N, C-alpha and C. Protein backbone atom coordinates (compact mmCIF):
# COMPACT_ATOMS: atom_id res chain seq x y z
N MET A 1 -9.28 54.42 -13.76
CA MET A 1 -11.03 55.39 -13.58
C MET A 1 -11.10 55.81 -14.49
N LYS A 2 -12.20 55.97 -15.29
CA LYS A 2 -12.86 56.59 -16.09
C LYS A 2 -13.28 58.07 -15.79
N ASN A 3 -13.20 58.92 -16.86
CA ASN A 3 -13.89 60.23 -16.46
C ASN A 3 -15.40 60.19 -17.36
N ARG A 4 -16.30 60.77 -16.64
CA ARG A 4 -17.43 60.71 -17.61
C ARG A 4 -16.95 62.70 -18.69
N PRO A 5 -16.36 62.82 -19.71
CA PRO A 5 -16.36 64.30 -20.33
C PRO A 5 -17.72 65.54 -19.71
N THR A 6 -18.92 64.42 -19.50
CA THR A 6 -20.26 65.03 -20.03
C THR A 6 -20.64 65.31 -18.06
N GLU A 7 -20.01 64.82 -17.24
CA GLU A 7 -20.25 65.39 -16.21
C GLU A 7 -19.18 66.36 -15.68
N HIS A 8 -18.20 66.11 -16.31
CA HIS A 8 -16.71 67.30 -16.04
C HIS A 8 -17.28 68.49 -16.61
N ALA A 9 -18.02 68.39 -18.04
CA ALA A 9 -18.31 69.85 -18.42
C ALA A 9 -19.46 70.48 -17.77
N CYS A 10 -20.62 69.36 -17.48
CA CYS A 10 -21.15 70.39 -16.45
C CYS A 10 -20.75 70.89 -14.95
N LEU A 11 -19.69 70.25 -14.57
CA LEU A 11 -19.28 70.89 -13.24
C LEU A 11 -18.51 71.95 -13.60
N MET A 12 -17.78 71.97 -14.05
CA MET A 12 -17.11 73.46 -15.14
C MET A 12 -18.37 74.43 -15.16
N THR A 13 -19.46 73.76 -15.88
CA THR A 13 -21.03 75.10 -16.28
C THR A 13 -21.64 75.55 -14.69
N THR A 14 -21.38 74.58 -14.25
CA THR A 14 -22.36 74.84 -12.61
C THR A 14 -21.80 75.99 -11.67
N GLY A 15 -20.96 75.32 -11.45
CA GLY A 15 -20.23 75.55 -10.03
C GLY A 15 -19.36 76.94 -10.72
N LYS A 16 -20.33 78.16 -10.32
CA LYS A 16 -19.37 79.21 -10.68
C LYS A 16 -18.48 79.68 -9.65
N ASP A 17 -18.74 79.33 -8.66
CA ASP A 17 -18.02 79.79 -7.60
C ASP A 17 -16.87 78.13 -7.21
N THR A 18 -15.75 78.50 -6.36
CA THR A 18 -14.90 77.10 -5.93
C THR A 18 -15.45 76.05 -4.72
N GLY A 19 -16.70 77.09 -4.27
CA GLY A 19 -17.00 76.24 -3.53
C GLY A 19 -18.53 75.42 -4.01
N GLU A 20 -19.01 76.16 -4.69
CA GLU A 20 -20.39 75.75 -5.24
C GLU A 20 -19.65 74.43 -6.08
N THR A 21 -18.34 74.16 -6.77
CA THR A 21 -17.88 73.32 -7.57
C THR A 21 -17.20 72.42 -6.72
N ALA A 22 -16.52 72.45 -5.31
CA ALA A 22 -16.17 71.54 -4.57
C ALA A 22 -17.84 70.34 -4.35
N ARG A 23 -18.18 71.51 -3.85
CA ARG A 23 -20.06 70.84 -3.38
C ARG A 23 -20.49 69.85 -4.71
N PHE A 24 -21.03 70.04 -5.51
CA PHE A 24 -21.15 69.19 -7.00
C PHE A 24 -20.48 68.28 -6.72
N GLY A 25 -18.88 68.62 -7.35
CA GLY A 25 -18.13 67.37 -7.35
C GLY A 25 -18.33 66.09 -6.43
N GLN A 26 -18.34 66.27 -4.83
CA GLN A 26 -18.25 65.73 -3.83
C GLN A 26 -19.67 65.20 -4.96
N GLN A 27 -20.88 65.57 -4.80
CA GLN A 27 -22.15 64.51 -5.13
C GLN A 27 -21.86 63.75 -6.01
N VAL A 28 -21.04 64.29 -6.85
CA VAL A 28 -20.63 62.92 -8.24
C VAL A 28 -19.88 61.80 -8.30
N MET A 29 -18.88 62.23 -6.81
CA MET A 29 -17.84 60.95 -6.75
C MET A 29 -18.62 60.43 -6.03
N SER A 30 -19.85 60.69 -5.08
CA SER A 30 -20.29 59.70 -4.18
C SER A 30 -21.51 58.95 -4.98
N ARG A 31 -21.74 59.52 -6.20
CA ARG A 31 -22.31 59.01 -7.43
C ARG A 31 -22.02 57.86 -8.00
N VAL A 32 -21.02 58.81 -8.18
CA VAL A 32 -19.90 57.70 -10.01
C VAL A 32 -19.09 56.27 -8.89
N LEU A 33 -18.52 56.44 -7.46
CA LEU A 33 -17.22 56.06 -7.34
C LEU A 33 -17.90 54.42 -6.65
N PRO A 34 -19.14 54.33 -6.03
CA PRO A 34 -19.89 53.02 -6.21
C PRO A 34 -20.28 52.15 -7.35
N GLU A 35 -20.28 53.15 -8.27
CA GLU A 35 -20.20 52.02 -9.52
C GLU A 35 -19.24 51.92 -10.25
N ILE A 36 -17.90 52.48 -10.03
CA ILE A 36 -16.70 52.02 -10.47
C ILE A 36 -16.28 51.04 -9.07
N THR A 37 -16.36 50.73 -7.82
CA THR A 37 -16.65 50.31 -7.30
C THR A 37 -16.88 48.96 -7.07
N SER A 38 -18.31 48.76 -6.87
CA SER A 38 -19.12 47.43 -7.10
C SER A 38 -18.91 46.89 -8.24
N PRO A 39 -18.46 45.50 -8.06
CA PRO A 39 -18.45 44.05 -9.41
C PRO A 39 -19.24 44.23 -10.17
N VAL A 40 -20.58 44.17 -9.39
CA VAL A 40 -21.55 44.38 -10.14
C VAL A 40 -21.77 45.74 -10.95
N ARG A 41 -22.79 45.31 -11.98
CA ARG A 41 -23.40 46.47 -13.26
C ARG A 41 -21.77 47.05 -13.71
């Protein structure tokens, strides 16, 4: 499972409070996970 440094940096800077960070993390994960798990692409 490879992490994208850009998204991590984005996550750190965008989320001022933990709630915001968690919510943004959820969005990122829901977008990235299908890419990782799906055999195509």
